[in-house]
Amino acid sequence: MGLTRLTHKRESGMKSGYWSPNRKEELVEKLADYEDLEEQGKLLKPPCAAGDTIYHVCIPKNDEPQIIEMKVGCVEPCGAIRNYKGTCEVWNVYAETDYTKAYFKFFDFGKTVFLTGEEAEAALKEL
C-alpha cells in the first residue's frame, strides 16, 4: 500500500507552499494519524536519504583522524544484514566515495557520522 498524498506543491510561482483539494476533515484526520504514530514511537525518521552527503570521522590505523565526505547510496530504516568476514552485521545506511564504501547504523549519527561538515569538524577537534 503506497502513500496517497493529500497535499500538492504549488506550481504557479505566485505563492509558495502546498495546497489540497481535500476537505479540512480529511486533512485533520491524516495529520492525527501521523501524530498518533509519532506519540507511539512508530514513525521512523531516518537521519538521511539516498543521495544525501554525510561526513564520516574516522581514524585509520597508524594515521591521523580525518573526515571523509560520502554519498548515501541507500537507507534501510528497519536494518539490513550483511556478512562481513564471517560475521553478520546489521546496518541502516550504505554510503560510498570514489575509493571506499561504508555501512553505518543510525546510532552512529552524531558520534562518528554527521550531516554537515561543520558538525564533523567539531567532532574531529574533540578527538
N, C-alpha and C. Protein backbone atom coordinates (compact mmCIF):
# COMPACT_ATOMS: atom_id res chain seq x y z
N MET A 1 0.84 -1.18 0.00
CA MET A 1 0.00 0.00 0.00
C MET A 1 0.89 1.24 0.00
N GLY A 2 0.78 2.06 -1.01
CA GLY A 2 1.60 3.25 -1.13
C GLY A 2 0.94 4.46 -0.49
N LEU A 3 1.71 5.50 -0.41
CA LEU A 3 1.23 6.75 0.17
C LEU A 3 0.32 7.47 -0.82
N THR A 4 -0.84 7.89 -0.35
CA THR A 4 -1.73 8.72 -1.14
C THR A 4 -1.63 10.13 -0.59
N ARG A 5 -1.03 11.02 -1.36
CA ARG A 5 -0.83 12.40 -0.90
C ARG A 5 -2.15 13.14 -0.86
N LEU A 6 -2.31 13.93 0.19
CA LEU A 6 -3.46 14.81 0.29
C LEU A 6 -3.07 16.24 -0.06
N THR A 7 -1.77 16.51 -0.15
CA THR A 7 -1.30 17.85 -0.45
C THR A 7 -0.46 17.83 -1.72
N HIS A 8 -0.35 18.98 -2.35
CA HIS A 8 0.42 19.11 -3.59
C HIS A 8 1.19 20.43 -3.54
N LYS A 9 2.41 20.42 -4.09
CA LYS A 9 3.19 21.66 -4.16
C LYS A 9 2.54 22.63 -5.13
N ARG A 10 2.58 23.90 -4.77
CA ARG A 10 2.07 24.93 -5.68
C ARG A 10 3.03 25.06 -6.85
N GLU A 11 2.50 25.12 -8.06
CA GLU A 11 3.31 25.20 -9.27
C GLU A 11 3.24 26.57 -9.93
N SER A 12 2.35 27.43 -9.47
CA SER A 12 2.11 28.70 -10.17
C SER A 12 3.25 29.69 -10.05
N GLY A 13 4.03 29.61 -8.99
CA GLY A 13 5.10 30.57 -8.79
C GLY A 13 4.62 31.84 -8.09
N MET A 14 3.32 32.04 -8.01
CA MET A 14 2.78 33.23 -7.34
C MET A 14 2.81 33.06 -5.82
N LYS A 15 2.54 31.85 -5.36
CA LYS A 15 2.56 31.53 -3.94
C LYS A 15 3.44 30.31 -3.75
N SER A 16 4.04 30.21 -2.58
CA SER A 16 4.83 29.02 -2.27
C SER A 16 4.05 28.17 -1.27
N GLY A 17 4.49 26.95 -1.09
CA GLY A 17 3.84 26.07 -0.13
C GLY A 17 3.04 24.98 -0.81
N TYR A 18 1.99 24.55 -0.12
CA TYR A 18 1.18 23.43 -0.59
C TYR A 18 -0.29 23.80 -0.63
N TRP A 19 -1.05 23.02 -1.38
CA TRP A 19 -2.49 23.19 -1.44
C TRP A 19 -3.12 21.80 -1.44
N SER A 20 -4.41 21.75 -1.20
CA SER A 20 -5.11 20.47 -1.20
C SER A 20 -6.55 20.66 -1.65
N PRO A 21 -7.02 19.75 -2.50
CA PRO A 21 -8.43 19.80 -2.88
C PRO A 21 -9.31 19.10 -1.84
N ASN A 22 -8.68 18.45 -0.85
CA ASN A 22 -9.43 17.67 0.13
C ASN A 22 -10.10 18.56 1.17
N ARG A 23 -11.11 17.98 1.80
CA ARG A 23 -11.82 18.69 2.86
C ARG A 23 -10.96 18.76 4.12
N LYS A 24 -11.23 19.78 4.91
CA LYS A 24 -10.47 20.00 6.14
C LYS A 24 -10.52 18.76 7.04
N GLU A 25 -11.66 18.09 7.12
CA GLU A 25 -11.79 16.91 7.98
C GLU A 25 -10.81 15.81 7.58
N GLU A 26 -10.65 15.60 6.27
CA GLU A 26 -9.72 14.58 5.78
C GLU A 26 -8.28 14.93 6.15
N LEU A 27 -7.94 16.20 6.00
CA LEU A 27 -6.58 16.65 6.30
C LEU A 27 -6.27 16.52 7.79
N VAL A 28 -7.22 16.91 8.62
CA VAL A 28 -7.03 16.83 10.07
C VAL A 28 -6.92 15.36 10.49
N GLU A 29 -7.72 14.49 9.90
CA GLU A 29 -7.67 13.06 10.22
C GLU A 29 -6.30 12.47 9.87
N LYS A 30 -5.77 12.82 8.71
CA LYS A 30 -4.46 12.31 8.28
C LYS A 30 -3.36 12.84 9.20
N LEU A 31 -3.42 14.11 9.55
CA LEU A 31 -2.45 14.69 10.48
C LEU A 31 -2.52 13.97 11.83
N ALA A 32 -3.72 13.70 12.31
CA ALA A 32 -3.89 13.00 13.59
C ALA A 32 -3.27 11.60 13.52
N ASP A 33 -3.43 10.91 12.39
CA ASP A 33 -2.82 9.58 12.22
C ASP A 33 -1.30 9.66 12.41
N TYR A 34 -0.67 10.64 11.76
CA TYR A 34 0.78 10.80 11.87
C TYR A 34 1.19 11.18 13.30
N GLU A 35 0.43 12.05 13.93
CA GLU A 35 0.75 12.43 15.31
C GLU A 35 0.62 11.23 16.25
N ASP A 36 -0.40 10.40 16.04
CA ASP A 36 -0.58 9.20 16.86
C ASP A 36 0.62 8.26 16.70
N LEU A 37 1.03 8.04 15.46
CA LEU A 37 2.19 7.17 15.20
C LEU A 37 3.44 7.71 15.88
N GLU A 38 3.63 9.03 15.81
CA GLU A 38 4.80 9.63 16.43
C GLU A 38 4.77 9.46 17.94
N GLU A 39 3.61 9.68 18.56
CA GLU A 39 3.47 9.51 20.01
C GLU A 39 3.74 8.07 20.44
N GLN A 40 3.38 7.10 19.60
CA GLN A 40 3.56 5.69 19.91
C GLN A 40 4.97 5.20 19.57
N GLY A 41 5.80 6.08 19.03
CA GLY A 41 7.16 5.69 18.65
C GLY A 41 7.20 4.81 17.41
N LYS A 42 6.18 4.91 16.57
CA LYS A 42 6.09 4.06 15.38
C LYS A 42 6.36 4.81 14.08
N LEU A 43 6.74 6.05 14.18
CA LEU A 43 7.02 6.84 12.99
C LEU A 43 8.54 6.93 12.83
N LEU A 44 9.07 6.23 11.84
CA LEU A 44 10.51 6.22 11.61
C LEU A 44 10.93 7.47 10.85
N LYS A 45 11.98 8.11 11.34
CA LYS A 45 12.53 9.30 10.68
C LYS A 45 14.02 9.08 10.47
N PRO A 46 14.40 8.46 9.37
CA PRO A 46 15.83 8.25 9.12
C PRO A 46 16.57 9.59 9.08
N PRO A 47 17.83 9.61 9.53
CA PRO A 47 18.58 10.86 9.57
C PRO A 47 19.00 11.37 8.20
N CYS A 48 18.90 10.52 7.18
CA CYS A 48 19.33 10.92 5.84
C CYS A 48 18.56 10.10 4.81
N ALA A 49 18.78 10.45 3.55
CA ALA A 49 18.12 9.75 2.45
C ALA A 49 19.15 9.45 1.36
N ALA A 50 18.82 8.53 0.48
CA ALA A 50 19.71 8.23 -0.64
C ALA A 50 20.00 9.51 -1.42
N GLY A 51 21.27 9.71 -1.74
CA GLY A 51 21.68 10.90 -2.47
C GLY A 51 22.24 12.00 -1.57
N ASP A 52 21.96 11.93 -0.26
CA ASP A 52 22.48 12.93 0.68
C ASP A 52 24.00 12.78 0.83
N THR A 53 24.63 13.85 1.25
CA THR A 53 26.05 13.81 1.60
C THR A 53 26.16 13.70 3.11
N ILE A 54 27.01 12.78 3.57
CA ILE A 54 27.29 12.64 5.00
C ILE A 54 28.80 12.74 5.20
N TYR A 55 29.20 12.96 6.45
CA TYR A 55 30.60 13.15 6.78
C TYR A 55 31.00 12.17 7.87
N HIS A 56 31.94 11.30 7.55
CA HIS A 56 32.38 10.25 8.47
C HIS A 56 33.72 10.64 9.08
N VAL A 57 33.75 10.73 10.41
CA VAL A 57 35.00 10.99 11.12
C VAL A 57 35.61 9.62 11.42
N CYS A 58 36.77 9.36 10.85
CA CYS A 58 37.39 8.05 11.07
C CYS A 58 38.86 8.21 11.45
N ILE A 59 39.37 7.16 12.08
CA ILE A 59 40.77 7.14 12.49
C ILE A 59 41.40 5.91 11.83
N PRO A 60 42.04 6.11 10.68
CA PRO A 60 42.70 4.98 10.02
C PRO A 60 43.85 4.46 10.89
N LYS A 61 44.17 3.19 10.75
CA LYS A 61 45.28 2.61 11.52
C LYS A 61 46.56 3.37 11.20
N ASN A 62 47.30 3.72 12.24
CA ASN A 62 48.59 4.41 12.11
C ASN A 62 48.50 5.71 11.31
N ASP A 63 47.41 6.43 11.45
CA ASP A 63 47.25 7.67 10.70
C ASP A 63 46.46 8.67 11.53
N GLU A 64 46.41 9.89 11.05
CA GLU A 64 45.69 10.96 11.72
C GLU A 64 44.18 10.82 11.47
N PRO A 65 43.36 11.22 12.45
CA PRO A 65 41.91 11.24 12.22
C PRO A 65 41.58 12.13 11.02
N GLN A 66 40.56 11.75 10.29
CA GLN A 66 40.18 12.53 9.12
C GLN A 66 38.67 12.47 8.91
N ILE A 67 38.20 13.37 8.07
CA ILE A 67 36.78 13.41 7.70
C ILE A 67 36.67 12.95 6.26
N ILE A 68 35.79 11.99 6.04
CA ILE A 68 35.55 11.51 4.68
C ILE A 68 34.14 11.91 4.27
N GLU A 69 34.04 12.68 3.21
CA GLU A 69 32.74 13.08 2.66
C GLU A 69 32.23 11.92 1.81
N MET A 70 31.00 11.47 2.09
CA MET A 70 30.46 10.31 1.41
C MET A 70 29.06 10.59 0.88
N LYS A 71 28.68 9.88 -0.15
CA LYS A 71 27.33 9.99 -0.73
C LYS A 71 26.53 8.77 -0.28
N VAL A 72 25.33 9.02 0.26
CA VAL A 72 24.47 7.92 0.71
C VAL A 72 23.91 7.20 -0.50
N GLY A 73 24.12 5.88 -0.53
CA GLY A 73 23.61 5.06 -1.63
C GLY A 73 22.21 4.55 -1.35
N CYS A 74 21.99 4.08 -0.12
CA CYS A 74 20.65 3.62 0.26
C CYS A 74 20.49 3.66 1.77
N VAL A 75 19.23 3.71 2.19
CA VAL A 75 18.88 3.73 3.60
C VAL A 75 17.90 2.59 3.85
N GLU A 76 18.17 1.79 4.86
CA GLU A 76 17.30 0.68 5.26
C GLU A 76 16.74 1.00 6.64
N PRO A 77 15.56 1.64 6.72
CA PRO A 77 15.03 2.07 8.02
C PRO A 77 14.91 0.95 9.06
N CYS A 78 14.58 -0.25 8.62
CA CYS A 78 14.42 -1.37 9.57
C CYS A 78 15.69 -2.19 9.71
N GLY A 79 16.73 -1.81 8.99
CA GLY A 79 18.00 -2.52 9.07
C GLY A 79 18.11 -3.60 8.01
N ALA A 80 19.32 -3.88 7.63
CA ALA A 80 19.62 -4.96 6.69
C ALA A 80 20.84 -5.69 7.24
N ILE A 81 21.00 -6.92 6.83
CA ILE A 81 22.11 -7.74 7.33
C ILE A 81 23.12 -7.96 6.22
N ARG A 82 24.40 -7.86 6.59
CA ARG A 82 25.46 -8.21 5.65
C ARG A 82 26.43 -9.14 6.36
N ASN A 83 27.05 -10.00 5.59
CA ASN A 83 28.04 -10.92 6.12
C ASN A 83 29.41 -10.30 5.88
N TYR A 84 30.10 -9.96 6.95
CA TYR A 84 31.42 -9.35 6.85
C TYR A 84 32.44 -10.21 7.58
N LYS A 85 33.31 -10.83 6.82
CA LYS A 85 34.36 -11.69 7.37
C LYS A 85 33.77 -12.76 8.30
N GLY A 86 32.67 -13.37 7.86
CA GLY A 86 32.05 -14.45 8.61
C GLY A 86 31.15 -14.01 9.75
N THR A 87 30.96 -12.71 9.92
CA THR A 87 30.12 -12.19 10.99
C THR A 87 28.94 -11.44 10.39
N CYS A 88 27.76 -11.69 10.90
CA CYS A 88 26.58 -10.96 10.43
C CYS A 88 26.50 -9.62 11.15
N GLU A 89 26.32 -8.56 10.37
CA GLU A 89 26.19 -7.22 10.92
C GLU A 89 24.90 -6.59 10.40
N VAL A 90 24.25 -5.83 11.26
CA VAL A 90 23.06 -5.09 10.85
C VAL A 90 23.49 -3.66 10.54
N TRP A 91 23.01 -3.13 9.43
CA TRP A 91 23.32 -1.76 9.04
C TRP A 91 22.05 -1.06 8.57
N ASN A 92 22.08 0.28 8.59
CA ASN A 92 20.94 1.08 8.13
C ASN A 92 21.28 1.96 6.94
N VAL A 93 22.53 2.42 6.86
CA VAL A 93 22.92 3.36 5.81
C VAL A 93 24.16 2.85 5.10
N TYR A 94 24.08 2.78 3.77
CA TYR A 94 25.23 2.45 2.95
C TYR A 94 25.67 3.73 2.26
N ALA A 95 26.97 4.05 2.36
CA ALA A 95 27.50 5.26 1.72
C ALA A 95 28.82 4.93 1.05
N GLU A 96 29.20 5.75 0.07
CA GLU A 96 30.43 5.48 -0.65
C GLU A 96 31.07 6.75 -1.18
N THR A 97 32.34 6.61 -1.54
CA THR A 97 33.08 7.64 -2.25
C THR A 97 33.64 6.96 -3.49
N ASP A 98 34.49 7.65 -4.22
CA ASP A 98 35.13 7.03 -5.38
C ASP A 98 36.10 5.93 -4.98
N TYR A 99 36.56 5.95 -3.73
CA TYR A 99 37.60 5.00 -3.33
C TYR A 99 37.24 4.10 -2.14
N THR A 100 36.09 4.30 -1.52
CA THR A 100 35.73 3.45 -0.38
C THR A 100 34.21 3.37 -0.23
N LYS A 101 33.78 2.42 0.58
CA LYS A 101 32.36 2.30 0.91
C LYS A 101 32.26 1.98 2.39
N ALA A 102 31.10 2.25 2.97
CA ALA A 102 30.92 2.01 4.40
C ALA A 102 29.46 1.75 4.70
N TYR A 103 29.25 1.01 5.78
CA TYR A 103 27.91 0.71 6.28
C TYR A 103 27.81 1.30 7.68
N PHE A 104 26.72 2.02 7.95
CA PHE A 104 26.54 2.66 9.25
C PHE A 104 25.21 2.28 9.86
N LYS A 105 25.16 2.37 11.18
CA LYS A 105 23.91 2.21 11.92
C LYS A 105 23.38 3.61 12.23
N PHE A 106 22.09 3.73 12.47
CA PHE A 106 21.53 5.04 12.79
C PHE A 106 22.19 5.64 14.02
N PHE A 107 22.56 4.81 15.00
CA PHE A 107 23.14 5.38 16.21
C PHE A 107 24.58 5.86 16.01
N ASP A 108 25.17 5.65 14.83
CA ASP A 108 26.48 6.24 14.51
C ASP A 108 26.35 7.75 14.25
N PHE A 109 25.14 8.18 13.88
CA PHE A 109 24.93 9.60 13.56
C PHE A 109 25.02 10.42 14.84
N GLY A 110 25.81 11.48 14.75
CA GLY A 110 26.05 12.33 15.91
C GLY A 110 27.26 11.87 16.72
N LYS A 111 27.81 10.70 16.37
CA LYS A 111 29.01 10.19 17.05
C LYS A 111 30.19 10.18 16.09
N THR A 112 30.08 9.40 15.01
CA THR A 112 31.15 9.34 14.01
C THR A 112 30.66 9.72 12.62
N VAL A 113 29.36 9.86 12.45
CA VAL A 113 28.77 10.24 11.17
C VAL A 113 27.92 11.48 11.38
N PHE A 114 28.08 12.46 10.47
CA PHE A 114 27.40 13.74 10.64
C PHE A 114 26.76 14.20 9.34
N LEU A 115 25.77 15.07 9.47
CA LEU A 115 25.04 15.57 8.31
C LEU A 115 25.66 16.82 7.72
N THR A 116 26.55 17.47 8.47
CA THR A 116 27.23 18.67 7.96
C THR A 116 28.73 18.55 8.21
N GLY A 117 29.48 19.21 7.37
CA GLY A 117 30.92 19.25 7.55
C GLY A 117 31.31 19.96 8.83
N GLU A 118 30.53 20.97 9.21
CA GLU A 118 30.82 21.72 10.44
C GLU A 118 30.70 20.83 11.67
N GLU A 119 29.66 19.99 11.71
CA GLU A 119 29.50 19.07 12.84
C GLU A 119 30.67 18.08 12.89
N ALA A 120 31.08 17.60 11.74
CA ALA A 120 32.20 16.66 11.68
C ALA A 120 33.49 17.33 12.14
N GLU A 121 33.72 18.57 11.72
CA GLU A 121 34.92 19.31 12.14
C GLU A 121 34.94 19.48 13.66
N ALA A 122 33.81 19.81 14.24
CA ALA A 122 33.72 19.98 15.69
C ALA A 122 34.03 18.67 16.41
N ALA A 123 33.52 17.55 15.89
CA ALA A 123 33.78 16.24 16.50
C ALA A 123 35.26 15.87 16.36
N LEU A 124 35.85 16.22 15.23
CA LEU A 124 37.26 15.92 14.99
C LEU A 124 38.14 16.66 15.99
N LYS A 125 37.78 17.89 16.32
CA LYS A 125 38.56 18.69 17.28
C LYS A 125 38.50 18.10 18.68
N GLU A 126 37.41 17.37 18.98
CA GLU A 126 37.26 16.79 20.32
C GLU A 126 38.03 15.49 20.49
N LEU A 127 38.56 14.94 19.40
CA LEU A 127 39.32 13.67 19.50
C LEU A 127 40.68 13.89 20.11
